[in-house]
Protein backbone atom coordinates (compact mmCIF):
# COMPACT_ATOMS: atom_id res chain seq x y z
CA UNK A 1 16.40 -17.26 -0.42
CA UNK A 2 19.29 -17.44 -2.65
CA UNK A 3 20.79 -14.74 -4.46
CA UNK A 4 19.40 -15.80 -8.13
CA UNK A 5 15.81 -15.55 -6.60
CA UNK A 6 16.34 -12.44 -5.20
CA UNK A 7 17.78 -10.88 -8.28
CA UNK A 8 14.79 -12.14 -10.33
CA UNK A 9 12.55 -10.98 -7.83
CA UNK A 10 13.89 -7.64 -7.81
CA UNK A 11 13.55 -7.55 -11.52
CA UNK A 12 10.38 -8.73 -11.65
CA UNK A 13 9.39 -5.69 -9.34
CA UNK A 14 11.33 -3.44 -11.67
CA UNK A 15 9.08 -4.93 -14.61
CA UNK A 16 5.89 -4.78 -12.85
CA UNK A 17 6.71 -1.23 -11.55
CA UNK A 18 7.69 -0.16 -15.04
CA UNK A 19 4.27 -1.72 -16.27
CA UNK A 20 2.12 -0.44 -13.73
CA UNK A 21 3.57 2.92 -14.03
CA UNK A 22 2.97 2.85 -17.70
CA UNK A 23 -0.93 1.45 -17.29
CA UNK A 24 -1.63 4.13 -14.60
CA UNK A 25 0.08 7.12 -16.40
CA UNK A 26 -1.77 5.57 -19.87
CA UNK A 27 -5.11 5.35 -18.10
CA UNK A 28 -4.83 9.04 -16.17
CA UNK A 29 -3.93 10.45 -19.79
CA UNK A 30 -7.19 8.78 -21.16
CA UNK A 31 -9.33 9.80 -18.45
CA UNK A 32 -8.21 12.90 -18.61
CA UNK A 33 -9.02 13.24 -22.30
CA UNK A 34 -12.19 11.47 -21.72
CA UNK A 35 -13.05 14.30 -19.08
CA UNK A 36 -12.01 17.32 -21.61
CA UNK A 37 -13.85 15.59 -24.36
CA UNK A 38 -17.03 15.16 -21.96
CA UNK A 39 -16.39 19.03 -21.03
CA UNK A 40 -15.97 20.10 -24.45
CA UNK A 41 -19.34 18.08 -25.41
CA UNK A 42 -21.09 19.87 -22.54
CA UNK A 43 -19.52 23.11 -23.41
CA UNK A 44 -20.62 23.09 -27.26
CA UNK A 45 -24.05 22.00 -26.16
CA UNK A 46 -24.59 24.64 -23.63
CA UNK A 47 -23.42 26.96 -26.80
CA UNK A 48 -25.79 25.53 -29.11
CA UNK A 49 -28.77 25.69 -26.99
CA UNK A 50 -27.94 28.89 -25.48
CA UNK A 51 -27.55 30.72 -28.96
CA UNK A 52 -30.60 28.99 -30.61
CA UNK A 53 -32.78 30.04 -27.30
CA UNK A 54 -31.40 33.86 -27.50
CA UNK A 55 -32.43 33.43 -31.28
CA UNK A 56 -35.80 32.60 -30.18
CA UNK A 57 -35.89 35.03 -27.62
CA UNK A 58 -35.13 37.92 -29.32
CA UNK A 59 -36.85 37.01 -32.64
CA UNK A 60 -40.13 35.82 -31.48
CA UNK A 61 -39.92 33.15 -34.41
CA UNK A 62 -37.61 30.55 -35.74
CA UNK A 63 -37.63 32.18 -39.18
CA UNK A 64 -34.08 32.62 -40.37
CA UNK A 65 -32.55 30.43 -37.88
CA UNK A 66 -30.59 28.39 -40.81
CA UNK A 67 -27.67 30.73 -40.96
CA UNK A 68 -27.25 30.49 -37.14
CA UNK A 69 -27.32 26.82 -37.03
CA UNK A 70 -24.77 26.70 -39.98
CA UNK A 71 -22.60 29.00 -37.85
CA UNK A 72 -22.32 27.19 -34.76
CA UNK A 73 -21.67 23.85 -36.67
CA UNK A 74 -18.93 25.01 -38.28
CA UNK A 75 -17.73 26.51 -34.70
CA UNK A 76 -18.28 23.42 -32.84
CA UNK A 77 -17.62 20.54 -35.45
CA UNK A 78 -21.14 19.25 -34.61
CA UNK A 79 -24.07 18.14 -36.85
CA UNK A 80 -26.92 20.10 -35.90
CA UNK A 81 -30.59 19.21 -36.86
CA UNK A 82 -33.47 21.65 -35.69
CA UNK A 83 -36.97 20.46 -35.79
CA UNK A 84 -40.15 21.72 -33.61
CA UNK A 85 -41.52 19.88 -30.81
CA UNK A 86 -44.28 18.80 -33.60
CA UNK A 87 -41.67 17.22 -35.89
CA UNK A 88 -41.53 20.28 -38.42
CA UNK A 89 -37.45 20.28 -39.86
CA UNK A 90 -36.22 23.83 -39.65
CA UNK A 91 -32.23 23.41 -40.42
CA UNK A 92 -29.83 20.69 -40.76
CA UNK A 93 -26.13 21.45 -41.00
CA UNK A 94 -25.40 19.02 -43.54
CA UNK A 95 -28.16 20.21 -45.59
CA UNK A 96 -26.43 23.72 -45.21
CA UNK A 97 -23.09 22.67 -45.93
CA UNK A 98 -24.00 20.93 -49.06
CA UNK A 99 -23.58 17.44 -48.15
CA UNK A 100 -26.07 14.45 -47.90
CA UNK A 101 -27.78 14.02 -44.48
CA UNK A 102 -26.14 11.54 -42.13
CA UNK A 103 -28.22 8.98 -40.10
CA UNK A 104 -29.11 10.81 -36.98
CA UNK A 105 -27.30 9.95 -33.69
CA UNK A 106 -29.09 7.47 -31.10
CA UNK A 107 -28.54 10.14 -28.87
CA UNK A 108 -31.52 11.56 -27.37
CA UNK A 109 -32.27 15.30 -28.54
CA UNK A 110 -31.87 18.13 -26.60
CA UNK A 111 -34.94 20.48 -26.29
CA UNK A 112 -34.88 24.35 -26.49
CA UNK A 113 -37.74 26.95 -25.30
CA UNK A 114 -37.61 30.00 -26.48
CA UNK A 115 -40.12 31.61 -24.06
CA UNK A 116 -39.00 33.85 -21.10
CA UNK A 117 -38.88 33.03 -17.58
CA UNK A 118 -40.90 35.38 -15.37
CA UNK A 119 -39.15 37.17 -12.40
CA UNK A 120 -41.07 38.77 -9.66
CA UNK A 121 -39.78 41.22 -7.13
CA UNK A 122 -39.29 39.73 -3.54
CA UNK A 123 -41.93 40.28 -1.09
CA UNK A 124 -44.60 40.61 -3.54
CA UNK A 125 -48.30 39.75 -2.60
CA UNK A 126 -50.04 36.86 -4.60
CA UNK A 127 -52.46 39.75 -5.92
CA UNK A 128 -49.92 41.82 -7.36
CA UNK A 129 -47.99 38.85 -8.37
CA UNK A 130 -51.06 38.15 -10.68
CA UNK A 131 -51.59 41.50 -12.02
CA UNK A 132 -47.49 41.62 -12.95
CA UNK A 133 -48.15 38.17 -14.78
CA UNK A 134 -50.70 39.58 -16.54
CA UNK A 135 -48.94 42.77 -17.54
CA UNK A 136 -46.39 40.31 -18.74
CA UNK A 137 -48.48 37.99 -20.96
CA UNK A 138 -49.96 41.19 -22.61
CA UNK A 139 -46.19 42.75 -23.03
CA UNK A 140 -45.03 39.48 -24.54
CA UNK A 141 -47.63 39.28 -27.12
CA UNK A 142 -46.99 42.28 -28.80
CA UNK A 143 -42.99 41.94 -28.04
CA UNK A 144 -42.99 38.67 -30.06
CA UNK A 145 -45.35 39.74 -33.03
CA UNK A 146 -43.18 42.79 -33.42
CA UNK A 147 -39.99 40.71 -33.05
CA UNK A 148 -41.25 38.54 -35.79
CA UNK A 149 -42.51 41.22 -38.17
CA UNK A 150 -38.81 42.36 -38.07
CA UNK A 151 -37.40 39.37 -38.64
CA UNK A 152 -39.39 38.74 -41.80
CA UNK A 153 -38.36 42.03 -43.58
CA UNK A 154 -34.97 41.45 -42.86
CA UNK A 155 -34.34 44.13 -39.83
CA UNK A 156 -31.53 43.86 -37.46
CA UNK A 157 -33.60 42.83 -34.05
CA UNK A 158 -31.75 43.26 -30.87
CA UNK A 159 -33.74 42.36 -27.31
CA UNK A 160 -33.35 43.00 -23.75
CA UNK A 161 -35.21 41.73 -20.73
CA UNK A 162 -37.12 43.80 -18.54
CA UNK A 163 -37.77 43.56 -15.06
CA UNK A 164 -40.06 40.83 -15.47
CA UNK A 165 -38.08 38.66 -17.72
CA UNK A 166 -39.86 40.15 -20.96
CA UNK A 167 -37.95 40.74 -24.02
CA UNK A 168 -37.93 44.55 -24.97
CA UNK A 169 -37.27 44.88 -28.78
CA UNK A 170 -35.24 47.15 -30.62
CA UNK A 171 -34.07 47.94 -34.04
CA UNK A 172 -32.30 50.53 -36.27
CA UNK A 173 -34.78 50.67 -38.91
CA UNK A 174 -38.70 50.74 -38.45
CA UNK A 175 -40.34 49.03 -41.49
CA UNK A 176 -43.78 50.99 -41.94
CA UNK A 177 -45.98 48.31 -41.65
CA UNK A 178 -44.50 46.65 -37.99
CA UNK A 179 -45.80 48.54 -35.45
CA UNK A 180 -43.92 48.88 -32.21
CA UNK A 181 -45.87 47.77 -28.98
CA UNK A 182 -47.11 50.77 -26.86
CA UNK A 183 -44.85 51.65 -23.49
CA UNK A 184 -46.47 52.06 -19.97
CA UNK A 185 -49.82 50.88 -20.94
CA UNK A 186 -51.86 48.17 -19.13
CA UNK A 187 -52.92 46.03 -22.24
CA UNK A 188 -53.78 42.75 -20.13
CA UNK A 189 -57.12 41.29 -20.71
CA UNK A 190 -59.93 39.94 -18.09
CA UNK A 191 -59.38 36.50 -19.85
CA UNK A 192 -56.07 36.45 -18.89
CA UNK A 193 -56.61 37.70 -15.13
CA UNK A 194 -59.29 34.93 -14.81
CA UNK A 195 -56.81 32.31 -15.91
CA UNK A 196 -53.97 33.81 -13.41
CA UNK A 197 -56.65 33.89 -10.38
CA UNK A 198 -56.74 30.16 -10.40
CA UNK A 199 -53.17 30.47 -8.93
CA UNK A 200 -54.15 32.50 -5.99
CA UNK A 201 -53.99 29.32 -3.76
CA UNK A 202 -51.19 27.67 -5.46
CA UNK A 203 -48.30 26.91 -3.23
CA UNK A 204 -45.80 27.81 -4.67
CA UNK A 205 -47.35 30.86 -6.56
CA UNK A 206 -44.53 31.39 -9.15
CA UNK A 207 -44.78 27.83 -11.04
CA UNK A 208 -48.57 28.20 -11.78
CA UNK A 209 -48.13 31.63 -13.09
CA UNK A 210 -45.22 30.46 -15.11
CA UNK A 211 -47.65 27.54 -16.53
CA UNK A 212 -50.56 30.05 -17.23
CA UNK A 213 -48.12 32.56 -19.03
CA UNK A 214 -46.87 29.65 -21.00
CA UNK A 215 -50.43 28.78 -21.99
CA UNK A 216 -51.61 32.04 -22.70
CA UNK A 217 -48.57 32.74 -25.21
CA UNK A 218 -48.46 29.79 -26.86
CA UNK A 219 -50.38 31.15 -29.85
CA UNK A 220 -47.39 33.53 -30.25
CA UNK A 221 -44.13 32.22 -28.85
CA UNK A 222 -42.04 30.16 -31.26
CA UNK A 223 -42.70 26.69 -30.60
CA UNK A 224 -40.04 24.43 -28.53
CA UNK A 225 -37.02 22.85 -30.58
CA UNK A 226 -35.59 19.37 -30.67
CA UNK A 227 -32.15 19.51 -31.18
CA UNK A 228 -30.29 16.40 -32.70
CA UNK A 229 -26.12 16.59 -32.35
CA UNK A 230 -24.14 14.27 -33.96
CA UNK A 231 -24.54 11.35 -36.37
CA UNK A 232 -24.63 7.48 -36.19
CA UNK A 233 -21.12 5.69 -36.26
CA UNK A 234 -19.41 9.00 -35.33
CA UNK A 235 -15.66 8.17 -34.62
CA UNK A 236 -15.31 8.90 -30.91
CA UNK A 237 -12.47 11.18 -29.91
CA UNK A 238 -8.97 9.50 -30.31
CA UNK A 239 -6.49 9.41 -27.64
CA UNK A 240 -3.65 11.47 -28.01
CA UNK A 241 -0.70 9.28 -28.63
CA UNK A 242 2.48 11.51 -28.12
CA UNK A 243 1.90 11.89 -24.40
CA UNK A 244 1.28 7.96 -24.13
CA UNK A 245 4.46 7.27 -26.23
CA UNK A 246 6.65 9.65 -24.35
CA UNK A 247 5.18 8.38 -20.85
CA UNK A 248 5.84 4.57 -22.15
CA UNK A 249 9.62 5.71 -23.48
CA UNK A 250 10.09 7.90 -19.96
CA UNK A 251 9.50 4.55 -18.20
CA UNK A 252 11.55 2.12 -20.50
CA UNK A 253 14.31 4.39 -20.03
CA UNK A 254 13.77 4.30 -16.13
CA UNK A 255 13.91 0.47 -16.52
CA UNK A 256 16.92 0.25 -18.35
CA UNK A 257 18.90 2.64 -16.18
CA UNK A 258 17.68 0.99 -13.12
CA UNK A 259 18.58 -2.37 -14.58
CA UNK A 260 22.16 -1.15 -15.44
CA UNK A 261 22.55 0.39 -12.05
CA UNK A 262 21.39 -2.78 -10.29
CA UNK A 263 23.82 -5.06 -12.77
CA UNK A 264 26.80 -2.69 -11.83
CA UNK A 265 25.94 -3.03 -8.11
CA UNK A 266 25.95 -6.62 -8.34
CA UNK A 267 28.42 -7.63 -11.05
CA UNK A 268 30.97 -5.30 -9.46
CA UNK A 269 31.56 -6.69 -6.33
CA UNK A 270 30.90 -10.35 -7.70
CA UNK A 271 33.98 -9.48 -10.06
CA UNK A 272 35.97 -8.10 -7.53
CA UNK A 273 35.39 -11.15 -5.29
CA UNK A 274 36.04 -13.40 -8.57
CA UNK A 275 39.58 -11.78 -8.88
CA UNK A 276 40.06 -12.22 -5.12
CA UNK A 277 39.41 -15.98 -4.98
CA UNK A 278 41.31 -16.40 -8.27
CA UNK A 279 44.46 -14.74 -6.40
CA UNK A 280 43.67 -16.74 -3.44
CA UNK A 281 43.67 -20.00 -5.23
CA UNK A 282 46.98 -19.37 -6.85
CA UNK A 283 48.65 -18.35 -3.53
CA UNK A 284 47.86 -14.98 -3.09
CA UNK A 285 46.82 -15.26 0.56
CA UNK A 286 46.69 -11.63 1.25
CA UNK A 287 44.17 -10.75 -1.53
CA UNK A 288 41.14 -9.07 0.05
CA UNK A 289 37.82 -7.66 -1.66
CA UNK A 290 36.58 -4.09 -0.57
CA UNK A 291 33.53 -3.99 1.14
CA UNK A 292 30.86 -1.21 1.80
CA UNK A 293 27.27 -1.47 3.13
CA UNK A 294 25.13 -3.88 4.84
CA UNK A 295 23.44 -6.10 1.96
CA UNK A 296 23.98 -9.57 1.15
CA UNK A 297 26.73 -8.73 -1.41
CA UNK A 298 28.55 -6.64 1.51
CA UNK A 299 27.99 -10.03 4.06
CA UNK A 300 29.05 -12.04 1.36
CA UNK A 301 32.17 -10.00 0.97
CA UNK A 302 32.93 -9.66 4.51
CA UNK A 303 32.44 -13.69 4.85
CA UNK A 304 34.90 -14.03 1.92
CA UNK A 305 37.62 -11.69 3.64
CA UNK A 306 36.92 -13.55 6.97
CA UNK A 307 37.64 -17.04 5.09
CA UNK A 308 40.65 -15.65 3.46
CA UNK A 309 42.10 -14.45 6.85
CA UNK A 310 41.07 -17.71 8.22
CA UNK A 311 43.23 -19.39 5.61
CA UNK A 312 46.30 -17.11 5.78
CA UNK A 313 46.05 -17.70 9.77
CA UNK A 314 45.85 -21.33 9.44
CA UNK A 315 48.62 -21.55 6.49
CA UNK A 316 50.90 -19.43 8.89
CA UNK A 317 49.83 -21.58 11.74
CA UNK A 318 50.72 -24.73 9.55
CA UNK A 319 54.00 -22.94 8.55
CA UNK A 320 54.87 -21.95 12.42
CA UNK A 321 54.04 -25.89 13.65
CA UNK A 322 56.10 -27.40 10.66
CA UNK A 323 59.14 -24.96 11.95
CA UNK A 324 58.48 -25.62 15.62
CA UNK A 325 58.37 -29.73 15.28
CA UNK A 326 61.75 -29.18 12.91
CA UNK A 327 63.08 -27.30 15.47
CA UNK A 328 62.34 -29.42 18.67
CA UNK A 329 63.17 -32.68 16.97
CA UNK A 330 66.38 -31.53 15.02
CA UNK A 331 68.56 -31.43 17.97
CA UNK A 332 67.59 -34.30 19.81
CA UNK A 333 67.70 -36.51 16.87
CA UNK A 334 70.98 -34.98 16.08
CA UNK A 335 72.21 -36.01 19.52
CA UNK A 336 71.05 -39.37 19.13
CA UNK A 337 72.28 -40.14 15.69
CA UNK A 338 75.65 -38.63 16.78
CA UNK A 339 75.84 -41.12 19.81
CA UNK A 340 74.56 -43.98 18.08
CA UNK A 341 77.13 -43.07 14.85
CA UNK A 342 79.86 -42.85 17.92
CA UNK A 343 78.65 -46.39 19.18
CA UNK A 344 78.85 -48.20 15.83
CA UNK A 345 82.39 -46.36 15.13
CA UNK A 346 83.70 -47.79 18.44
CA UNK A 347 84.60 -44.00 19.57
CA UNK A 348 82.40 -44.17 22.49
CA UNK A 349 81.49 -47.07 24.88
CA UNK A 350 78.16 -48.19 25.58
CA UNK A 351 77.89 -47.32 29.25
CA UNK A 352 74.73 -48.07 31.08
CA UNK A 353 74.60 -44.12 31.92
CA UNK A 354 74.74 -43.47 28.15
CA UNK A 355 72.11 -46.05 27.21
CA UNK A 356 69.82 -44.29 29.92
CA UNK A 357 70.56 -40.97 28.50
CA UNK A 358 69.62 -42.01 25.17
CA UNK A 359 66.62 -43.89 26.46
CA UNK A 360 65.49 -40.90 28.12
CA UNK A 361 65.73 -38.75 24.75
CA UNK A 362 63.68 -41.49 22.95
CA UNK A 363 61.26 -41.49 25.06
CA UNK A 364 61.18 -37.63 25.10
CA UNK A 365 60.74 -37.73 21.41
CA UNK A 366 58.17 -40.16 21.52
CA UNK A 367 55.97 -37.98 24.17
CA UNK A 368 56.20 -34.97 21.66
CA UNK A 369 55.07 -37.12 18.81
CA UNK A 370 52.00 -38.35 21.09
CA UNK A 371 51.36 -34.86 22.29
CA UNK A 372 51.48 -33.53 18.81
CA UNK A 373 49.01 -36.65 17.67
CA UNK A 374 46.70 -35.89 20.52
CA UNK A 375 46.49 -32.13 19.79
CA UNK A 376 45.88 -32.91 15.94
CA UNK A 377 43.04 -35.20 16.82
CA UNK A 378 41.64 -32.74 19.34
CA UNK A 379 41.63 -29.77 16.51
CA UNK A 380 40.06 -32.00 14.30
CA UNK A 381 37.59 -33.11 16.56
CA UNK A 382 38.67 -36.70 16.14
CA UNK A 383 39.74 -37.13 19.91
CA UNK A 384 37.69 -40.15 21.55
CA UNK A 385 35.92 -39.26 24.83
CA UNK A 386 34.26 -41.70 27.07
CA UNK A 387 31.96 -39.29 29.15
CA UNK A 388 30.30 -40.18 32.35
CA UNK A 389 29.60 -37.98 35.61
CA UNK A 390 32.63 -36.78 37.39
CA UNK A 391 33.37 -35.68 40.93
CA UNK A 392 35.53 -32.79 40.29
CA UNK A 393 36.51 -32.88 44.10
CA UNK A 394 37.73 -36.53 43.96
CA UNK A 395 39.53 -35.78 40.49
CA UNK A 396 41.39 -32.92 42.39
CA UNK A 397 41.92 -34.93 45.20
CA UNK A 398 43.51 -37.67 42.83
CA UNK A 399 45.96 -35.13 41.06
CA UNK A 400 46.97 -33.65 44.30
CA UNK A 401 48.00 -37.42 45.25
CA UNK A 402 49.53 -38.06 41.95
CA UNK A 403 52.05 -35.16 42.47
CA UNK A 404 52.51 -35.33 46.25
CA UNK A 405 55.96 -36.86 45.55
CA UNK A 406 57.01 -34.07 42.90
CA UNK A 407 56.02 -31.61 45.29
CA UNK A 408 57.80 -32.91 48.68
CA UNK A 409 60.74 -32.68 46.26
CA UNK A 410 60.48 -29.25 45.28
CA UNK A 411 59.52 -28.17 48.82
CA UNK A 412 56.09 -26.86 47.56
CA UNK A 413 53.03 -27.29 49.76
CA UNK A 414 49.43 -28.89 47.48
CA UNK A 415 46.47 -27.74 49.05
CA UNK A 416 42.56 -28.65 48.06
CA UNK A 417 39.76 -26.29 48.85
CA UNK A 418 36.64 -28.06 48.00
CA UNK A 419 33.98 -27.19 50.36
CA UNK A 420 31.37 -29.20 48.30
CA UNK A 421 31.16 -32.04 45.78
CA UNK A 422 30.72 -30.74 42.05
CA UNK A 423 29.80 -33.06 39.33
CA UNK A 424 30.40 -32.59 35.53
CA UNK A 425 29.64 -34.94 32.32
CA UNK A 426 32.92 -35.45 30.72
CA UNK A 427 36.16 -38.06 30.26
CA UNK A 428 37.88 -38.11 33.60
CA UNK A 429 41.15 -39.38 32.09
CA UNK A 430 41.52 -36.48 29.74
CA UNK A 431 40.21 -34.15 32.52
CA UNK A 432 42.85 -35.75 35.11
CA UNK A 433 45.30 -34.84 31.97
CA UNK A 434 44.33 -31.29 31.92
CA UNK A 435 44.79 -31.11 35.59
CA UNK A 436 47.82 -32.97 35.90
CA UNK A 437 49.53 -30.67 33.53
CA UNK A 438 48.06 -27.44 35.14
CA UNK A 439 49.70 -29.06 38.42
CA UNK A 440 53.07 -29.80 37.06
CA UNK A 441 53.65 -26.38 35.74
CA UNK A 442 52.64 -24.85 38.87
CA UNK A 443 55.16 -26.94 40.41
CA UNK A 444 57.59 -25.76 37.87
CA UNK A 445 57.09 -22.37 38.47
CA UNK A 446 56.65 -22.48 42.39
CA UNK A 447 60.12 -21.87 44.36
CA UNK A 448 60.67 -24.03 47.91
CA UNK A 449 58.14 -22.64 50.42
CA UNK A 450 55.57 -21.83 47.93
CA UNK A 451 51.88 -22.96 47.70
CA UNK A 452 49.79 -24.59 44.86
CA UNK A 453 46.21 -24.22 45.52
CA UNK A 454 43.45 -26.73 43.99
CA UNK A 455 40.05 -24.81 44.31
CA UNK A 456 36.64 -25.95 43.20
CA UNK A 457 33.38 -24.13 43.62
CA UNK A 458 30.28 -23.96 41.64
CA UNK A 459 28.64 -20.45 40.23
CA UNK A 460 25.06 -21.26 39.21
CA UNK A 461 25.25 -23.73 36.42
CA UNK A 462 28.95 -23.49 36.02
CA UNK A 463 31.65 -25.51 37.90
CA UNK A 464 34.64 -23.71 38.43
CA UNK A 465 38.28 -25.25 38.97
CA UNK A 466 41.28 -23.27 39.65
CA UNK A 467 45.01 -23.81 39.97
CA UNK A 468 46.95 -21.11 41.83
CA UNK A 469 50.54 -21.06 42.48
CA UNK A 470 52.64 -18.83 44.46
CA UNK A 471 55.34 -18.69 42.14
CA UNK A 472 57.29 -16.13 39.88
CA UNK A 473 54.42 -15.38 37.60
CA UNK A 474 53.99 -14.92 33.99
CA UNK A 475 54.68 -11.07 32.30
CA UNK A 476 51.54 -9.48 30.45
CA UNK A 477 53.46 -9.63 26.85
CA UNK A 478 54.08 -13.51 27.56
CA UNK A 479 50.20 -14.36 28.41
CA UNK A 480 48.63 -13.93 24.83
CA UNK A 481 50.90 -16.84 23.99
CA UNK A 482 50.60 -18.98 26.59
CA UNK A 483 48.45 -21.49 24.85
CA UNK A 484 50.42 -21.67 21.47
CA UNK A 485 52.63 -24.75 20.51
CA UNK A 486 55.84 -24.98 21.60
CA UNK A 487 55.84 -21.71 23.81
CA UNK A 488 57.69 -21.67 27.10
CA UNK A 489 56.86 -18.72 29.40
CA UNK A 490 60.45 -19.72 30.90
CA UNK A 491 62.96 -20.02 27.97
CA UNK A 492 65.29 -21.87 30.27
CA UNK A 493 62.67 -24.59 30.60
CA UNK A 494 63.88 -26.67 27.60
CA UNK A 495 63.76 -30.63 27.14
CA UNK A 496 65.71 -31.18 30.24
CA UNK A 497 62.51 -30.53 32.41
CA UNK A 498 60.59 -32.73 30.47
CA UNK A 499 58.24 -30.10 28.89
CA UNK A 500 57.07 -30.49 25.17
CA UNK A 501 55.62 -27.02 24.93
CA UNK A 502 52.38 -28.70 24.12
CA UNK A 503 50.36 -29.34 27.03
CA UNK A 504 48.47 -26.04 27.46
CA UNK A 505 47.38 -26.47 23.63
CA UNK A 506 46.02 -29.98 24.54
CA UNK A 507 44.46 -28.65 27.71
CA UNK A 508 42.68 -26.00 26.01
CA UNK A 509 41.52 -28.25 23.26
CA UNK A 510 40.12 -30.49 25.56
CA UNK A 511 38.47 -28.02 28.08
CA UNK A 512 37.02 -26.89 24.78
CA UNK A 513 35.37 -29.78 23.19
CA UNK A 514 33.90 -30.25 26.93
CA UNK A 515 31.79 -27.17 26.03
CA UNK A 516 34.02 -25.54 28.85
CA UNK A 517 36.57 -22.34 28.73
CA UNK A 518 40.09 -21.94 30.30
CA UNK A 519 41.76 -18.70 31.39
CA UNK A 520 44.80 -17.40 33.05
CA UNK A 521 45.56 -14.33 35.35
CA UNK A 522 49.20 -13.97 36.38
CA UNK A 523 51.11 -11.06 38.58
CA UNK A 524 55.15 -10.94 38.09
CA UNK A 525 56.44 -11.87 41.52
CA UNK A 526 52.66 -13.20 43.08
CA UNK A 527 51.64 -16.07 41.06
CA UNK A 528 49.51 -17.52 38.62
CA UNK A 529 45.90 -18.92 38.30
CA UNK A 530 44.23 -20.97 35.76
CA UNK A 531 40.80 -21.04 35.59
CA UNK A 532 38.85 -23.87 34.13
CA UNK A 533 34.58 -23.57 33.53
CA UNK A 534 32.49 -26.41 32.75
CA UNK A 535 28.93 -26.85 32.42
CA UNK A 536 27.93 -28.50 35.85
CA UNK A 537 25.83 -31.81 35.38
CA UNK A 538 22.11 -31.35 36.19
CA UNK A 539 20.44 -33.13 38.85
CA UNK A 540 23.15 -32.70 41.14
CA UNK A 541 23.48 -29.56 43.71
CA UNK A 542 26.28 -28.97 45.78
CA UNK A 543 27.04 -31.30 48.53
CA UNK A 544 28.79 -30.75 51.85
CA UNK A 545 31.85 -32.90 52.46
CA UNK A 546 35.28 -32.88 53.97
CA UNK A 547 37.98 -32.99 51.51
């Protein structure tokens, strides 16, 4: 995925996160306010119904209820209309507030029953419970009549429940025509007992007794009320804007801050890379970019630095190659020029020996140019290879034969250790070029009486060729430069020995092009071993044979 798409995806993620956060916080705020509104409405309904029930329980009548309804409407902000169960109006907060009555809300009315709920001690027998219920009926008749009388004359009425749940009425002043009910008497009637005895066999007992109680006291108890709350088209509670706006502003600031941090994190390394690339293009090959982290920008920075290192190294190699070529060709060309000018001016006689020397010098320069051309083609991947299956044992034996005369002249023995045939898919001429270069170098490095060994073994799927000599070896500080162009381990070896200093560079490139590797190990005074590793050809196992 491109960097632009990743940045776009990240910005979309930030935008979606911000939008989702705002929506979630807004919804949470709305839900909280709705819950608070519902809870407040429930509390208001409980307050209204509780106050009205308390009024009816204490006064035994709904007379004088209007002031209480007006106070409740002011305290709760509700429109309250109170009617009896039969529809008789008792009080309306709109009328009490001096305004025209608004249409009622479509919500169902709330019922309020001011009659007491009977309470019986635990463990009572049904017979005793019936008797207690009859007493409660009689007591409530007298208490309700007494409370209603006090209310009509404007006396202050208070009530408390007795053990059975029946109100006991008290007042500061006692009007003469309001008779207080007697205490401690048993005023129940036979009719009450007869009606309650029908519950002897009822299970459970208490609801049956409560039902008879309600029936027997209906004539004196205040009727049930229907409470209508609210009005039609009432505006719902609005969502508080301040918290939502604060949340939206906070999320927007967080988004802007995130975008600024993102742009800084992205653009700063890009800007540094742009300056570095500009400097690199202007020739400042030492320009690099600072890199930290492991993200894509950091990987891009590391890739840029590696590219810059490669360009700088290539520039240095090219400069060094140019210098090496100039150094290698300057002296022999100057010699050729000097001798040719001397021949032209008649200063030197054109003897056969002189002409042979000049011809050998020209051949050496030709070989250097050919080697440079081969190396340039190999490094550019343009060197032509004609691959086929090659028997390495046969190839090594041919190399030994080709260098036999040189080895005999130098007094060096060339031995072949190839217990089995090993095949590779390669260009045989190029491999002979590599092996011939290594054998020639080994012969030059080995004194009379020494040995050069050509070894061939197979290790799994790899064919291994070793060229070992018992020569003077190469020092450890020279080994890293062995495959450099125009480098010679022996400074005394020059053009007189016929070496161009390019053979090992060409050999390494040829082996690399064959998906192989070349390595060297050497010990001063003991000898040197060059190891070539190539992929063995499939379908050919090692076959025993002489060699």
